[in-house]
C-alpha atoms as a PDB file:
ATOM      1  CA  MET A   1    -167.477-141.129 -24.300  1.00  0.00           C
ATOM      2  CA  ALA A   2    -165.919-141.780 -20.778  1.00  0.00           C
ATOM      3  CA  GLN A   3    -165.345-138.518 -19.092  1.00  0.00           C
ATOM      4  CA  SER A   4    -162.162-137.724 -17.459  1.00  0.00           C
ATOM      5  CA  ILE A   5    -161.927-136.856 -13.768  1.00  0.00           C
ATOM      6  CA  ASP A   6    -158.601-135.211 -13.642  1.00  0.00           C
ATOM      7  CA  GLY A   7    -157.848-134.722 -17.257  1.00  0.00           C
ATOM      8  CA  ARG A   8    -155.857-137.750 -17.504  1.00  0.00           C
ATOM      9  CA  MET A   9    -158.005-140.877 -16.204  1.00  0.00           C
ATOM     10  CA  THR A  10    -161.456-141.423 -16.917  1.00  0.00           C
ATOM     11  CA  ARG A  11    -163.980-142.987 -14.519  1.00  0.00           C
ATOM     12  CA  PHE A  12    -164.013-146.279 -16.196  1.00  0.00           C
ATOM     13  CA  GLU A  13    -159.929-146.263 -15.852  1.00  0.00           C
ATOM     14  CA  LEU A  14    -160.446-145.386 -12.281  1.00  0.00           C
ATOM     15  CA  GLN A  15    -163.014-148.360 -11.635  1.00  0.00           C
ATOM     16  CA  HIS A  16    -160.795-150.710 -13.683  1.00  0.00           C
ATOM     17  CA  PHE A  17    -157.789-149.620 -11.293  1.00  0.00           C
ATOM     18  CA  LEU A  18    -159.645-150.173  -8.058  1.00  0.00           C
ATOM     19  CA  ILE A  19    -161.191-153.426  -9.045  1.00  0.00           C
ATOM     20  CA  ARG A  20    -157.833-154.887 -10.227  1.00  0.00           C
ATOM     21  CA  VAL A  21    -155.989-153.575  -7.107  1.00  0.00           C
ATOM     22  CA  TYR A  22    -158.956-155.242  -4.805  1.00  0.00           C
ATOM     23  CA  ILE A  23    -158.567-158.567  -6.585  1.00  0.00           C
ATOM     24  CA  GLY A  24    -154.983-158.608  -5.882  1.00  0.00           C
ATOM     25  CA  LEU A  25    -155.125-157.811  -2.310  1.00  0.00           C
ATOM     26  CA  ASP A  26    -157.822-160.099  -1.763  1.00  0.00           C
ATOM     27  CA  PHE A  27    -155.308-162.877  -2.519  1.00  0.00           C
ATOM     28  CA  ILE A  28    -153.131-162.031   0.264  1.00  0.00           C
ATOM     29  CA  HIS A  29    -154.921-164.062   2.756  1.00  0.00           C
ATOM     30  CA  HIS A  30    -155.041-167.026   0.586  1.00  0.00           C
ATOM     31  CA  PHE A  31    -151.285-167.535  -0.029  1.00  0.00           C
ATOM     32  CA  ALA A  32    -150.648-166.373   3.586  1.00  0.00           C
ATOM     33  CA  GLU A  33    -152.515-169.282   4.934  1.00  0.00           C
ATOM     34  CA  LYS A  34    -150.922-171.605   2.789  1.00  0.00           C
ATOM     35  CA  TRP A  35    -147.503-170.475   3.607  1.00  0.00           C
ATOM     36  CA  GLY A  36    -148.224-170.948   7.215  1.00  0.00           C
ATOM     37  CA  LEU A  37    -148.375-167.095   7.926  1.00  0.00           C
ATOM     38  CA  LEU A  38    -151.768-167.204   9.563  1.00  0.00           C
ATOM     39  CA  GLY A  39    -150.716-169.904  12.222  1.00  0.00           C
ATOM     40  CA  SER A  40    -151.032-173.795  11.728  1.00  0.00           C
ATOM     41  CA  GLN A  41    -154.783-174.325  11.825  1.00  0.00           C
ATOM     42  CA  PRO A  42    -155.416-172.587   8.285  1.00  0.00           C
ATOM     43  CA  TYR A  43    -152.482-174.401   6.920  1.00  0.00           C
ATOM     44  CA  ASP A  44    -153.482-177.730   8.388  1.00  0.00           C
ATOM     45  CA  ALA A  45    -157.216-177.094   7.124  1.00  0.00           C
ATOM     46  CA  ASP A  46    -155.798-176.468   3.472  1.00  0.00           C
ATOM     47  CA  VAL A  47    -153.669-179.746   3.779  1.00  0.00           C
ATOM     48  CA  ALA A  48    -156.821-181.773   4.857  1.00  0.00           C
ATOM     49  CA  TYR A  49    -158.784-180.182   1.902  1.00  0.00           C
ATOM     50  CA  PHE A  50    -156.224-180.966  -0.474  1.00  0.00           C
ATOM     51  CA  LYS A  51    -155.988-184.686   0.812  1.00  0.00           C
ATOM     52  CA  ASN A  52    -159.501-185.019   0.101  1.00  0.00           C
ATOM     53  CA  VAL A  53    -159.785-183.501  -3.312  1.00  0.00           C
ATOM     54  CA  MET A  54    -156.479-184.049  -5.131  1.00  0.00           C
ATOM     55  CA  PRO A  55    -154.339-187.124  -5.712  1.00  0.00           C
ATOM     56  CA  GLY A  56    -150.655-187.283  -4.535  1.00  0.00           C
ATOM     57  CA  ASP A  57    -149.116-185.194  -1.675  1.00  0.00           C
ATOM     58  CA  PRO A  58    -151.345-182.523  -0.344  1.00  0.00           C
ATOM     59  CA  HIS A  59    -148.516-180.411   0.831  1.00  0.00           C
ATOM     60  CA  THR A  60    -147.326-180.128  -2.563  1.00  0.00           C
ATOM     61  CA  TRP A  61    -150.717-179.150  -3.794  1.00  0.00           C
ATOM     62  CA  VAL A  62    -150.898-176.565  -1.012  1.00  0.00           C
ATOM     63  CA  PHE A  63    -147.533-175.003  -2.317  1.00  0.00           C
ATOM     64  CA  ILE A  64    -148.410-174.961  -5.925  1.00  0.00           C
ATOM     65  CA  ALA A  65    -151.870-173.278  -4.918  1.00  0.00           C
ATOM     66  CA  SER A  66    -150.058-170.804  -2.803  1.00  0.00           C
ATOM     67  CA  LEU A  67    -147.683-169.833  -5.885  1.00  0.00           C
ATOM     68  CA  CYS A  68    -150.843-169.284  -8.051  1.00  0.00           C
ATOM     69  CA  GLU A  69    -152.305-167.011  -5.434  1.00  0.00           C
ATOM     70  CA  PHE A  70    -149.077-165.201  -4.835  1.00  0.00           C
ATOM     71  CA  GLY A  71    -148.832-164.708  -8.621  1.00  0.00           C
ATOM     72  CA  ALA A  72    -152.591-163.435  -8.705  1.00  0.00           C
ATOM     73  CA  PHE A  73    -151.578-161.074  -5.728  1.00  0.00           C
ATOM     74  CA  VAL A  74    -148.627-159.580  -7.316  1.00  0.00           C
ATOM     75  CA  GLY A  75    -150.156-159.536 -11.120  1.00  0.00           C
ATOM     76  CA  PHE A  76    -153.244-157.836 -10.111  1.00  0.00           C
ATOM     77  CA  THR A  77    -152.219-155.563  -7.263  1.00  0.00           C
ATOM     78  CA  PHE A  78    -149.245-153.958  -9.294  1.00  0.00           C
ATOM     79  CA  GLY A  79    -150.703-154.591 -12.614  1.00  0.00           C
ATOM     80  CA  LEU A  80    -147.554-156.675 -13.764  1.00  0.00           C
ATOM     81  CA  PHE A  81    -148.350-158.853 -16.750  1.00  0.00           C
ATOM     82  CA  THR A  82    -151.820-158.581 -16.026  1.00  0.00           C
ATOM     83  CA  ARG A  83    -153.041-160.341 -18.860  1.00  0.00           C
ATOM     84  CA  PHE A  84    -151.093-163.296 -17.965  1.00  0.00           C
ATOM     85  CA  ALA A  85    -152.215-162.971 -14.444  1.00  0.00           C
ATOM     86  CA  GLY A  86    -155.872-162.701 -15.494  1.00  0.00           C
ATOM     87  CA  LEU A  87    -155.714-165.755 -17.653  1.00  0.00           C
ATOM     88  CA  GLY A  88    -153.647-167.625 -15.197  1.00  0.00           C
ATOM     89  CA  THR A  89    -155.966-166.892 -12.305  1.00  0.00           C
ATOM     90  CA  ALA A  90    -158.923-167.611 -14.148  1.00  0.00           C
ATOM     91  CA  LEU A  91    -157.767-171.051 -15.009  1.00  0.00           C
ATOM     92  CA  TYR A  92    -156.531-171.649 -11.411  1.00  0.00           C
ATOM     93  CA  LEU A  93    -160.003-170.665 -10.151  1.00  0.00           C
ATOM     94  CA  LEU A  94    -161.899-172.754 -12.763  1.00  0.00           C
ATOM     95  CA  ILE A  95    -159.615-175.905 -11.811  1.00  0.00           C
ATOM     96  CA  ALA A  96    -160.168-175.235  -8.118  1.00  0.00           C
ATOM     97  CA  SER A  97    -163.987-175.114  -8.620  1.00  0.00           C
ATOM     98  CA  ILE A  98    -163.887-178.211 -10.651  1.00  0.00           C
ATOM     99  CA  ALA A  99    -161.651-180.021  -7.998  1.00  0.00           C
ATOM    100  CA  GLY A 100    -163.587-178.702  -5.093  1.00  0.00           C
ATOM    101  CA  GLY A 101    -166.828-180.050  -6.653  1.00  0.00           C
ATOM    102  CA  HIS A 102    -168.756-176.941  -6.789  1.00  0.00           C
ATOM    103  CA  PHE A 103    -170.162-177.755 -10.093  1.00  0.00           C
ATOM    104  CA  GLN A 104    -171.650-180.833  -8.594  1.00  0.00           C
ATOM    105  CA  ASN A 105    -173.202-178.794  -5.674  1.00  0.00           C
ATOM    106  CA  GLY A 106    -175.576-176.727  -7.698  1.00  0.00           C
ATOM    107  CA  PHE A 107    -175.493-172.947  -8.803  1.00  0.00           C
ATOM    108  CA  THR A 108    -175.913-171.165  -5.175  1.00  0.00           C
ATOM    109  CA  TRP A 109    -172.877-170.634  -3.149  1.00  0.00           C
ATOM    110  CA  LEU A 110    -174.965-170.988  -0.110  1.00  0.00           C
ATOM    111  CA  ASN A 111    -175.704-174.852  -1.033  1.00  0.00           C
ATOM    112  CA  PRO A 112    -173.867-177.223   0.994  1.00  0.00           C
ATOM    113  CA  GLY A 113    -170.304-177.514  -0.136  1.00  0.00           C
ATOM    114  CA  GLY A 114    -170.614-174.423  -2.227  1.00  0.00           C
ATOM    115  CA  GLY A 115    -172.187-174.089  -5.679  1.00  0.00           C
ATOM    116  CA  TRP A 116    -170.516-172.723  -8.629  1.00  0.00           C
ATOM    117  CA  GLU A 117    -172.170-169.274  -8.525  1.00  0.00           C
ATOM    118  CA  TYR A 118    -169.419-167.345  -6.473  1.00  0.00           C
ATOM    119  CA  PRO A 119    -166.302-168.948  -7.773  1.00  0.00           C
ATOM    120  CA  LEU A 120    -167.359-168.697 -11.424  1.00  0.00           C
ATOM    121  CA  MET A 121    -168.263-164.938 -11.035  1.00  0.00           C
ATOM    122  CA  TRP A 122    -164.564-164.617  -9.610  1.00  0.00           C
ATOM    123  CA  THR A 123    -163.152-166.678 -12.632  1.00  0.00           C
ATOM    124  CA  PHE A 124    -164.979-164.477 -15.179  1.00  0.00           C
ATOM    125  CA  LEU A 125    -163.850-161.143 -13.319  1.00  0.00           C
ATOM    126  CA  CYS A 126    -160.456-162.093 -13.349  1.00  0.00           C
ATOM    127  CA  ALA A 127    -160.421-163.549 -16.926  1.00  0.00           C
ATOM    128  CA  SER A 128    -161.804-160.177 -17.994  1.00  0.00           C
ATOM    129  CA  PHE A 129    -158.573-158.676 -17.132  1.00  0.00           C
ATOM    130  CA  ALA A 130    -156.688-161.023 -19.792  1.00  0.00           C
ATOM    131  CA  LEU A 131    -158.897-158.942 -22.358  1.00  0.00           C
ATOM    132  CA  THR A 132    -158.225-155.427 -20.929  1.00  0.00           C
ATOM    133  CA  GLY A 133    -154.567-155.634 -19.302  1.00  0.00           C
ATOM    134  CA  GLY A 134    -153.441-153.554 -16.447  1.00  0.00           C
ATOM    135  CA  GLY A 135    -154.652-150.172 -17.361  1.00  0.00           C
ATOM    136  CA  LYS A 136    -153.062-146.841 -17.029  1.00  0.00           C
ATOM    137  CA  LEU A 137    -151.952-147.134 -13.471  1.00  0.00           C
ATOM    138  CA  SER A 138    -150.131-150.591 -13.756  1.00  0.00           C
ATOM    139  CA  ALA A 139    -146.685-151.738 -13.981  1.00  0.00           C
ATOM    140  CA  ASP A 140    -147.443-152.967 -17.514  1.00  0.00           C
ATOM    141  CA  ALA A 141    -148.134-149.252 -18.665  1.00  0.00           C
ATOM    142  CA  TRP A 142    -144.856-148.380 -17.210  1.00  0.00           C
ATOM    143  CA  LEU A 143    -143.155-151.294 -18.759  1.00  0.00           C
ATOM    144  CA  ALA A 144    -144.842-150.350 -22.292  1.00  0.00           C
ATOM    145  CA  ARG A 145    -143.381-146.696 -21.987  1.00  0.00           C
ATOM    146  CA  LYS A 146    -139.740-147.928 -20.835  1.00  0.00           C
ATOM    147  CA  LEU A 147    -139.226-151.009 -22.998  1.00  0.00           C
ATOM    148  CA  PRO A 148    -141.501-150.354 -26.067  1.00  0.00           C
ATOM    149  CA  ALA A 149    -140.271-153.458 -27.856  1.00  0.00           C
ATOM    150  CA  LEU A 150    -142.180-155.693 -25.378  1.00  0.00           C
ATOM    151  CA  PRO A 151    -145.171-157.476 -27.152  1.00  0.00           C
ATOM    152  CA  LYS A 152    -148.658-155.396 -26.488  1.00  0.00           C
ATOM    153  CA  TRP A 153    -150.433-158.530 -25.580  1.00  0.00           C
ATOM    154  CA  LEU A 154    -148.008-159.088 -22.617  1.00  0.00           C
ATOM    155  CA  VAL A 155    -147.885-155.255 -21.408  1.00  0.00           C
ATOM    156  CA  GLY A 156    -150.651-153.675 -23.161  1.00  0.00           C
END
């Protein structure tokens, strides 16, 4: 049985909260560079990357990627529709790993071009939140209390 650290939250729940928020905050840099908030050089590098790995207009792909990353930021940081954020982010990371050729580069992330070890770890970590939801300290928990008719799979 998990011990409560303050009578209301267990250590597991605190750990879950801290990991969820860290994942969300980690995405700030990713969408910020794609929105040009970090200058033109990171944005131009993203455009060049997408030009090499995806068909069509690379600017469109940068924009789509930025929306996925912004959604991950909001979903994880605030615990808003966390299950959806977990599944969506996991799919996004898996697609990015395939498109980026990481599975062809071997296991180790330090291989030239980056192997699949690191991106797949992030994929599984994000996917785990599709199973657990946002936890007690989340917008999901608040929504579940205020709008009990919402489906539990959405905010549970």
